[in-house]
Structure formats: C-alpha cells, structure tokens
Amino acid sequence: MQLKNCPECGKVFTFIRTNLCPECQKEDEERFKIVRKYIALHRGVSIGTVSEETGIKETNILRYLREGRILSGEVKQQALKCELCGVRITGGRYCESCNNKLTSGIKKVMRDENEKYLQEEANKRKGKGSGMFTADMRKKD
C-alpha cells in the first residue's frame, strides 16, 4: 500500500491507479465530461478555445489527450510533443520511434533477467548433486 499526496488538494491518500485522491478524481472526471461534451459539439476546436470556453485548464485537456481519452482528430492540438525526443505527436506520450525503442529496451531487460534467473536455478541444481551425499561419505570411510 503506497501513500501519496494529491497534487490538487494536498491530501494524503492510498495510491491505486491515479495520482489524484478519490474526491479530486471525481472532480477531474466531471471536468473531463464537460470537455468531452464541448468537443463533441465543436469538433476541430483548439485546446485554448476549449479551455477558455469551459474554464478547464489547458494542462488538464493535454493530459486527457496524452491519456488517450480525447482523440487527436477531435481537437486542434499544437502543443503535444514526444516526451523523449520532442517531435510533434497526435496522442499519447511518445512518438512511434521512441515507443519502439522503449518497448525493445524493456523486452531486452526482461530477457536478460529471465536468462539470469534460469542460470541461477541451473547453478542451484548443480550444487545439490545426487542427493546421496551422506551415503557417499560412508562408502569413502
């Protein structure tokens, strides 16, 4: 169980899946519904306009875009960039190239860890021998 401080209100809460406490999560969901409804009625509107008309911060709207809760074709977004290389992207956090690099890096680490574990297990089995150590000692005496 991990405790965190809510970035919105500062309360301590048990982290489950979001950085927001349950109360702020409900408020954020209501803000998202407002943004979603506005965008549905005004397709192709800019993020700045959505923010001005709804009173919801651009950072929240950009977060909804990054989370994939708003599709890139629904709004004109000029500020969304890959967090690693800075190239413009239509949604998410990373461009396709960086996403592929991260994925292959994670796969390599997992493969290396699996090989390490299997090698350690094999070494443990070799160290145990035949299991007849006591009987072997008596024969040598």
N, C-alpha and C. Protein backbone atom coordinates (compact mmCIF):
# COMPACT_ATOMS: atom_id res chain seq x y z
N MET A 1 0.85 -1.17 0.00
CA MET A 1 0.00 0.00 0.00
C MET A 1 0.90 1.24 0.00
N GLN A 2 0.72 2.07 -1.03
CA GLN A 2 1.56 3.25 -1.18
C GLN A 2 0.74 4.51 -0.90
N LEU A 3 1.26 5.35 -0.03
CA LEU A 3 0.60 6.61 0.29
C LEU A 3 1.21 7.73 -0.54
N LYS A 4 0.36 8.63 -1.04
CA LYS A 4 0.81 9.77 -1.82
C LYS A 4 0.03 11.00 -1.42
N ASN A 5 0.58 12.15 -1.78
CA ASN A 5 -0.14 13.40 -1.60
C ASN A 5 -0.82 13.75 -2.92
N CYS A 6 -2.06 14.14 -2.86
CA CYS A 6 -2.81 14.55 -4.04
C CYS A 6 -2.23 15.87 -4.55
N PRO A 7 -1.87 15.96 -5.83
CA PRO A 7 -1.32 17.21 -6.37
C PRO A 7 -2.35 18.34 -6.45
N GLU A 8 -3.63 18.00 -6.41
CA GLU A 8 -4.69 19.01 -6.49
C GLU A 8 -4.98 19.65 -5.13
N CYS A 9 -5.24 18.80 -4.12
CA CYS A 9 -5.68 19.32 -2.82
C CYS A 9 -4.66 19.12 -1.70
N GLY A 10 -3.65 18.27 -1.93
CA GLY A 10 -2.61 18.04 -0.93
C GLY A 10 -2.92 16.95 0.09
N LYS A 11 -4.11 16.36 0.04
CA LYS A 11 -4.47 15.31 0.98
C LYS A 11 -3.62 14.06 0.75
N VAL A 12 -3.38 13.32 1.84
CA VAL A 12 -2.70 12.03 1.74
C VAL A 12 -3.76 10.98 1.41
N PHE A 13 -3.45 10.11 0.45
CA PHE A 13 -4.39 9.06 0.07
C PHE A 13 -3.62 7.81 -0.34
N THR A 14 -4.33 6.70 -0.39
CA THR A 14 -3.74 5.44 -0.81
C THR A 14 -3.75 5.39 -2.34
N PHE A 15 -2.56 5.31 -2.93
CA PHE A 15 -2.43 5.29 -4.38
C PHE A 15 -2.95 3.97 -4.92
N ILE A 16 -3.85 4.05 -5.89
CA ILE A 16 -4.36 2.85 -6.54
C ILE A 16 -3.98 2.85 -8.01
N ARG A 17 -4.48 3.83 -8.77
CA ARG A 17 -4.15 3.87 -10.18
C ARG A 17 -3.93 5.28 -10.73
N THR A 18 -4.36 6.29 -9.99
CA THR A 18 -4.15 7.66 -10.43
C THR A 18 -3.45 8.46 -9.34
N ASN A 19 -2.89 9.59 -9.73
CA ASN A 19 -2.20 10.45 -8.77
C ASN A 19 -3.15 11.32 -7.98
N LEU A 20 -4.44 11.21 -8.24
CA LEU A 20 -5.43 12.04 -7.56
C LEU A 20 -6.14 11.26 -6.47
N CYS A 21 -6.49 11.96 -5.39
CA CYS A 21 -7.28 11.34 -4.33
C CYS A 21 -8.68 11.06 -4.88
N PRO A 22 -9.47 10.21 -4.24
CA PRO A 22 -10.79 9.87 -4.77
C PRO A 22 -11.70 11.09 -5.01
N GLU A 23 -11.66 12.07 -4.11
CA GLU A 23 -12.51 13.26 -4.28
C GLU A 23 -12.08 14.06 -5.52
N CYS A 24 -10.78 14.29 -5.65
CA CYS A 24 -10.28 15.04 -6.81
C CYS A 24 -10.45 14.24 -8.10
N GLN A 25 -10.38 12.93 -8.00
CA GLN A 25 -10.61 12.07 -9.17
C GLN A 25 -12.04 12.26 -9.68
N LYS A 26 -13.00 12.33 -8.76
CA LYS A 26 -14.40 12.57 -9.15
C LYS A 26 -14.54 13.93 -9.83
N GLU A 27 -13.90 14.95 -9.24
CA GLU A 27 -13.95 16.29 -9.83
C GLU A 27 -13.30 16.30 -11.21
N ASP A 28 -12.18 15.59 -11.35
CA ASP A 28 -11.49 15.52 -12.64
C ASP A 28 -12.37 14.82 -13.67
N GLU A 29 -13.08 13.80 -13.26
CA GLU A 29 -13.98 13.09 -14.17
C GLU A 29 -15.10 14.02 -14.64
N GLU A 30 -15.59 14.86 -13.74
CA GLU A 30 -16.62 15.83 -14.12
C GLU A 30 -16.06 16.85 -15.12
N ARG A 31 -14.82 17.31 -14.87
CA ARG A 31 -14.18 18.24 -15.81
C ARG A 31 -14.02 17.58 -17.18
N PHE A 32 -13.62 16.32 -17.17
CA PHE A 32 -13.45 15.60 -18.44
C PHE A 32 -14.78 15.52 -19.20
N LYS A 33 -15.87 15.24 -18.49
CA LYS A 33 -17.17 15.16 -19.15
C LYS A 33 -17.55 16.49 -19.80
N ILE A 34 -17.23 17.59 -19.12
CA ILE A 34 -17.51 18.92 -19.67
C ILE A 34 -16.70 19.13 -20.95
N VAL A 35 -15.40 18.80 -20.89
CA VAL A 35 -14.52 18.95 -22.06
C VAL A 35 -15.03 18.07 -23.20
N ARG A 36 -15.35 16.84 -22.89
CA ARG A 36 -15.80 15.87 -23.89
C ARG A 36 -17.07 16.36 -24.59
N LYS A 37 -18.00 16.88 -23.79
CA LYS A 37 -19.26 17.38 -24.34
C LYS A 37 -19.01 18.59 -25.24
N TYR A 38 -18.14 19.51 -24.77
CA TYR A 38 -17.84 20.70 -25.57
C TYR A 38 -17.20 20.32 -26.90
N ILE A 39 -16.25 19.39 -26.86
CA ILE A 39 -15.56 18.97 -28.08
C ILE A 39 -16.53 18.27 -29.03
N ALA A 40 -17.45 17.49 -28.49
CA ALA A 40 -18.44 16.81 -29.34
C ALA A 40 -19.30 17.81 -30.09
N LEU A 41 -19.59 18.93 -29.46
CA LEU A 41 -20.42 19.96 -30.09
C LEU A 41 -19.62 20.89 -31.00
N HIS A 42 -18.30 20.98 -30.79
CA HIS A 42 -17.45 21.91 -31.54
C HIS A 42 -16.21 21.18 -32.07
N ARG A 43 -16.40 20.23 -32.92
CA ARG A 43 -15.27 19.43 -33.45
C ARG A 43 -14.21 20.32 -34.11
N GLY A 44 -12.94 19.96 -33.90
CA GLY A 44 -11.84 20.68 -34.52
C GLY A 44 -11.45 21.97 -33.82
N VAL A 45 -12.01 22.21 -32.65
CA VAL A 45 -11.71 23.42 -31.90
C VAL A 45 -10.31 23.31 -31.27
N SER A 46 -9.68 24.43 -31.02
CA SER A 46 -8.33 24.39 -30.43
C SER A 46 -8.41 24.15 -28.93
N ILE A 47 -7.32 23.67 -28.38
CA ILE A 47 -7.25 23.40 -26.94
C ILE A 47 -7.45 24.69 -26.16
N GLY A 48 -6.87 25.77 -26.64
CA GLY A 48 -7.02 27.07 -25.97
C GLY A 48 -8.47 27.50 -25.91
N THR A 49 -9.20 27.31 -27.00
CA THR A 49 -10.61 27.68 -27.03
C THR A 49 -11.42 26.81 -26.08
N VAL A 50 -11.13 25.52 -26.06
CA VAL A 50 -11.82 24.61 -25.14
C VAL A 50 -11.59 25.07 -23.71
N SER A 51 -10.36 25.42 -23.40
CA SER A 51 -10.02 25.87 -22.06
C SER A 51 -10.76 27.16 -21.71
N GLU A 52 -10.76 28.12 -22.63
CA GLU A 52 -11.43 29.40 -22.38
C GLU A 52 -12.94 29.22 -22.19
N GLU A 53 -13.54 28.43 -23.04
CA GLU A 53 -14.99 28.27 -23.03
C GLU A 53 -15.50 27.41 -21.87
N THR A 54 -14.69 26.45 -21.43
CA THR A 54 -15.13 25.55 -20.35
C THR A 54 -14.60 25.95 -18.98
N GLY A 55 -13.52 26.77 -18.98
CA GLY A 55 -12.90 27.14 -17.71
C GLY A 55 -11.99 26.06 -17.16
N ILE A 56 -11.65 25.07 -17.97
CA ILE A 56 -10.79 23.97 -17.54
C ILE A 56 -9.39 24.21 -18.08
N LYS A 57 -8.39 24.02 -17.22
CA LYS A 57 -7.00 24.30 -17.57
C LYS A 57 -6.55 23.51 -18.79
N GLU A 58 -5.70 24.17 -19.61
CA GLU A 58 -5.12 23.50 -20.78
C GLU A 58 -4.32 22.27 -20.37
N THR A 59 -3.65 22.34 -19.21
CA THR A 59 -2.85 21.19 -18.78
C THR A 59 -3.72 19.96 -18.58
N ASN A 60 -4.95 20.16 -18.06
CA ASN A 60 -5.86 19.03 -17.90
C ASN A 60 -6.28 18.48 -19.26
N ILE A 61 -6.57 19.37 -20.19
CA ILE A 61 -7.00 18.94 -21.53
C ILE A 61 -5.87 18.18 -22.22
N LEU A 62 -4.65 18.69 -22.09
CA LEU A 62 -3.49 17.99 -22.66
C LEU A 62 -3.30 16.62 -22.01
N ARG A 63 -3.54 16.54 -20.71
CA ARG A 63 -3.44 15.24 -20.02
C ARG A 63 -4.47 14.27 -20.57
N TYR A 64 -5.69 14.74 -20.80
CA TYR A 64 -6.71 13.86 -21.38
C TYR A 64 -6.26 13.36 -22.75
N LEU A 65 -5.62 14.24 -23.52
CA LEU A 65 -5.09 13.84 -24.82
C LEU A 65 -4.01 12.78 -24.66
N ARG A 66 -3.07 13.02 -23.74
CA ARG A 66 -1.97 12.07 -23.51
C ARG A 66 -2.48 10.72 -23.02
N GLU A 67 -3.54 10.76 -22.24
CA GLU A 67 -4.11 9.51 -21.73
C GLU A 67 -4.93 8.79 -22.78
N GLY A 68 -5.17 9.44 -23.92
CA GLY A 68 -5.96 8.82 -24.98
C GLY A 68 -7.45 8.94 -24.74
N ARG A 69 -7.86 9.76 -23.82
CA ARG A 69 -9.29 9.93 -23.53
C ARG A 69 -9.95 10.87 -24.53
N ILE A 70 -9.15 11.71 -25.17
CA ILE A 70 -9.62 12.57 -26.26
C ILE A 70 -8.80 12.16 -27.48
N LEU A 71 -9.45 11.99 -28.59
CA LEU A 71 -8.74 11.62 -29.82
C LEU A 71 -8.16 12.85 -30.47
N SER A 72 -7.00 12.70 -31.10
CA SER A 72 -6.30 13.84 -31.66
C SER A 72 -7.08 14.51 -32.78
N GLY A 73 -7.91 13.79 -33.49
CA GLY A 73 -8.68 14.37 -34.58
C GLY A 73 -9.83 15.24 -34.10
N GLU A 74 -10.13 15.18 -32.82
CA GLU A 74 -11.26 15.93 -32.28
C GLU A 74 -10.92 17.37 -31.94
N VAL A 75 -9.63 17.64 -31.72
CA VAL A 75 -9.21 18.99 -31.36
C VAL A 75 -7.98 19.37 -32.17
N LYS A 76 -7.80 20.68 -32.33
CA LYS A 76 -6.56 21.17 -32.93
C LYS A 76 -5.57 21.27 -31.79
N GLN A 77 -4.57 20.42 -31.81
CA GLN A 77 -3.59 20.48 -30.74
C GLN A 77 -2.23 20.76 -31.34
N GLN A 78 -1.63 21.81 -30.86
CA GLN A 78 -0.33 22.21 -31.37
C GLN A 78 0.79 22.00 -30.36
N ALA A 79 0.45 21.63 -29.15
CA ALA A 79 1.45 21.59 -28.10
C ALA A 79 1.89 20.18 -27.70
N LEU A 80 1.28 19.14 -28.25
CA LEU A 80 1.60 17.79 -27.81
C LEU A 80 2.87 17.30 -28.50
N LYS A 81 3.89 17.00 -27.68
CA LYS A 81 5.18 16.55 -28.21
C LYS A 81 5.62 15.30 -27.48
N CYS A 82 6.44 14.50 -28.15
CA CYS A 82 7.03 13.30 -27.56
C CYS A 82 7.86 13.72 -26.35
N GLU A 83 7.69 13.01 -25.24
CA GLU A 83 8.40 13.36 -24.02
C GLU A 83 9.90 13.05 -24.10
N LEU A 84 10.31 12.23 -25.06
CA LEU A 84 11.73 11.90 -25.17
C LEU A 84 12.45 12.74 -26.21
N CYS A 85 11.90 12.81 -27.43
CA CYS A 85 12.65 13.49 -28.49
C CYS A 85 12.06 14.85 -28.87
N GLY A 86 10.84 15.14 -28.45
CA GLY A 86 10.25 16.44 -28.71
C GLY A 86 9.52 16.58 -30.04
N VAL A 87 9.45 15.53 -30.84
CA VAL A 87 8.74 15.61 -32.12
C VAL A 87 7.23 15.69 -31.85
N ARG A 88 6.51 16.38 -32.71
CA ARG A 88 5.05 16.51 -32.54
C ARG A 88 4.38 15.15 -32.69
N ILE A 89 3.40 14.91 -31.82
CA ILE A 89 2.65 13.65 -31.86
C ILE A 89 1.16 13.95 -31.80
N THR A 90 0.35 12.98 -32.20
CA THR A 90 -1.09 13.19 -32.22
C THR A 90 -1.77 12.74 -30.94
N GLY A 91 -1.07 11.96 -30.13
CA GLY A 91 -1.65 11.50 -28.87
C GLY A 91 -0.65 10.65 -28.12
N GLY A 92 -0.94 10.39 -26.87
CA GLY A 92 -0.05 9.58 -26.04
C GLY A 92 1.11 10.40 -25.49
N ARG A 93 2.17 9.69 -25.11
CA ARG A 93 3.33 10.36 -24.51
C ARG A 93 4.57 10.32 -25.40
N TYR A 94 4.65 9.31 -26.28
CA TYR A 94 5.86 9.11 -27.08
C TYR A 94 5.51 8.95 -28.55
N CYS A 95 6.44 9.34 -29.42
CA CYS A 95 6.28 9.10 -30.85
C CYS A 95 6.47 7.60 -31.10
N GLU A 96 6.14 7.17 -32.30
CA GLU A 96 6.23 5.74 -32.62
C GLU A 96 7.67 5.23 -32.49
N SER A 97 8.63 6.02 -32.94
CA SER A 97 10.03 5.62 -32.89
C SER A 97 10.50 5.42 -31.44
N CYS A 98 10.22 6.40 -30.59
CA CYS A 98 10.63 6.29 -29.19
C CYS A 98 9.88 5.18 -28.47
N ASN A 99 8.61 5.01 -28.81
CA ASN A 99 7.82 3.94 -28.21
C ASN A 99 8.43 2.58 -28.56
N ASN A 100 8.86 2.42 -29.82
CA ASN A 100 9.50 1.17 -30.24
C ASN A 100 10.82 0.95 -29.50
N LYS A 101 11.60 2.02 -29.33
CA LYS A 101 12.87 1.90 -28.60
C LYS A 101 12.63 1.49 -27.15
N LEU A 102 11.64 2.13 -26.52
CA LEU A 102 11.33 1.79 -25.12
C LEU A 102 10.85 0.35 -25.01
N THR A 103 10.01 -0.07 -25.92
CA THR A 103 9.48 -1.43 -25.90
C THR A 103 10.59 -2.45 -26.08
N SER A 104 11.48 -2.20 -27.05
CA SER A 104 12.57 -3.15 -27.27
C SER A 104 13.54 -3.15 -26.09
N GLY A 105 13.74 -2.00 -25.45
CA GLY A 105 14.59 -1.94 -24.27
C GLY A 105 14.01 -2.74 -23.12
N ILE A 106 12.72 -2.61 -22.92
CA ILE A 106 12.05 -3.36 -21.85
C ILE A 106 12.12 -4.85 -22.14
N LYS A 107 11.90 -5.23 -23.39
CA LYS A 107 11.98 -6.65 -23.76
C LYS A 107 13.37 -7.21 -23.51
N LYS A 108 14.41 -6.42 -23.82
CA LYS A 108 15.79 -6.87 -23.61
C LYS A 108 16.06 -7.07 -22.12
N VAL A 109 15.63 -6.12 -21.30
CA VAL A 109 15.83 -6.24 -19.85
C VAL A 109 15.12 -7.48 -19.32
N MET A 110 13.89 -7.70 -19.76
CA MET A 110 13.13 -8.88 -19.32
C MET A 110 13.83 -10.17 -19.75
N ARG A 111 14.31 -10.20 -20.98
CA ARG A 111 15.02 -11.38 -21.49
C ARG A 111 16.28 -11.64 -20.68
N ASP A 112 17.04 -10.57 -20.40
CA ASP A 112 18.28 -10.70 -19.61
C ASP A 112 17.97 -11.20 -18.20
N GLU A 113 16.92 -10.66 -17.59
CA GLU A 113 16.54 -11.08 -16.24
C GLU A 113 16.10 -12.54 -16.23
N ASN A 114 15.36 -12.96 -17.24
CA ASN A 114 14.93 -14.35 -17.33
C ASN A 114 16.13 -15.29 -17.48
N GLU A 115 17.08 -14.91 -18.34
CA GLU A 115 18.27 -15.72 -18.54
C GLU A 115 19.08 -15.81 -17.23
N LYS A 116 19.20 -14.71 -16.54
CA LYS A 116 19.93 -14.68 -15.27
C LYS A 116 19.26 -15.62 -14.26
N TYR A 117 17.93 -15.55 -14.16
CA TYR A 117 17.19 -16.40 -13.25
C TYR A 117 17.37 -17.88 -13.60
N LEU A 118 17.25 -18.20 -14.87
CA LEU A 118 17.41 -19.60 -15.31
C LEU A 118 18.83 -20.11 -15.01
N GLN A 119 19.83 -19.26 -15.20
CA GLN A 119 21.21 -19.64 -14.92
C GLN A 119 21.40 -19.89 -13.43
N GLU A 120 20.82 -19.02 -12.60
CA GLU A 120 20.92 -19.20 -11.14
C GLU A 120 20.25 -20.50 -10.71
N GLU A 121 19.10 -20.80 -11.29
CA GLU A 121 18.39 -22.05 -10.97
C GLU A 121 19.21 -23.26 -11.40
N ALA A 122 19.83 -23.17 -12.56
CA ALA A 122 20.66 -24.28 -13.04
C ALA A 122 21.86 -24.47 -12.12
N ASN A 123 22.46 -23.40 -11.65
CA ASN A 123 23.60 -23.49 -10.74
C ASN A 123 23.19 -24.09 -9.40
N LYS A 124 21.98 -23.77 -8.93
CA LYS A 124 21.48 -24.35 -7.69
C LYS A 124 21.33 -25.86 -7.83
N ARG A 125 20.80 -26.29 -8.96
CA ARG A 125 20.61 -27.73 -9.19
C ARG A 125 21.94 -28.46 -9.26
N LYS A 126 22.94 -27.84 -9.87
CA LYS A 126 24.26 -28.46 -9.98
C LYS A 126 24.89 -28.62 -8.60
N GLY A 127 24.67 -27.64 -7.74
CA GLY A 127 25.26 -27.66 -6.40
C GLY A 127 24.67 -28.72 -5.50
N LYS A 128 23.45 -29.15 -5.79
CA LYS A 128 22.79 -30.15 -4.95
C LYS A 128 23.34 -31.54 -5.18
N GLY A 129 23.87 -31.83 -6.32
CA GLY A 129 24.43 -33.16 -6.60
C GLY A 129 23.34 -34.21 -6.69
N SER A 130 23.68 -35.44 -6.33
CA SER A 130 22.75 -36.55 -6.49
C SER A 130 21.81 -36.69 -5.31
N GLY A 131 22.05 -35.98 -4.22
CA GLY A 131 21.19 -36.11 -3.06
C GLY A 131 21.60 -37.27 -2.16
N MET A 132 22.67 -37.94 -2.46
CA MET A 132 23.12 -39.10 -1.69
C MET A 132 24.44 -38.79 -0.99
N PHE A 133 24.64 -37.57 -0.59
CA PHE A 133 25.90 -37.16 -0.01
C PHE A 133 26.27 -37.98 1.23
N THR A 134 25.33 -38.25 2.14
CA THR A 134 25.62 -38.98 3.35
C THR A 134 26.04 -40.41 3.02
N ALA A 135 25.33 -41.04 2.12
CA ALA A 135 25.69 -42.41 1.72
C ALA A 135 27.05 -42.44 1.06
N ASP A 136 27.36 -41.46 0.25
CA ASP A 136 28.66 -41.40 -0.41
C ASP A 136 29.77 -41.23 0.63
N MET A 137 29.55 -40.46 1.68
CA MET A 137 30.55 -40.25 2.71
C MET A 137 30.84 -41.56 3.44
N ARG A 138 29.84 -42.37 3.72
CA ARG A 138 30.02 -43.62 4.43
C ARG A 138 30.82 -44.60 3.59
N LYS A 139 30.64 -44.60 2.27
CA LYS A 139 31.39 -45.51 1.40
C LYS A 139 32.88 -45.16 1.41
N LYS A 140 33.21 -43.87 1.52
CA LYS A 140 34.59 -43.45 1.50
C LYS A 140 35.31 -43.82 2.80
N ASP A 141 34.60 -43.95 3.91
CA ASP A 141 35.23 -44.27 5.19
C ASP A 141 35.70 -45.65 5.26
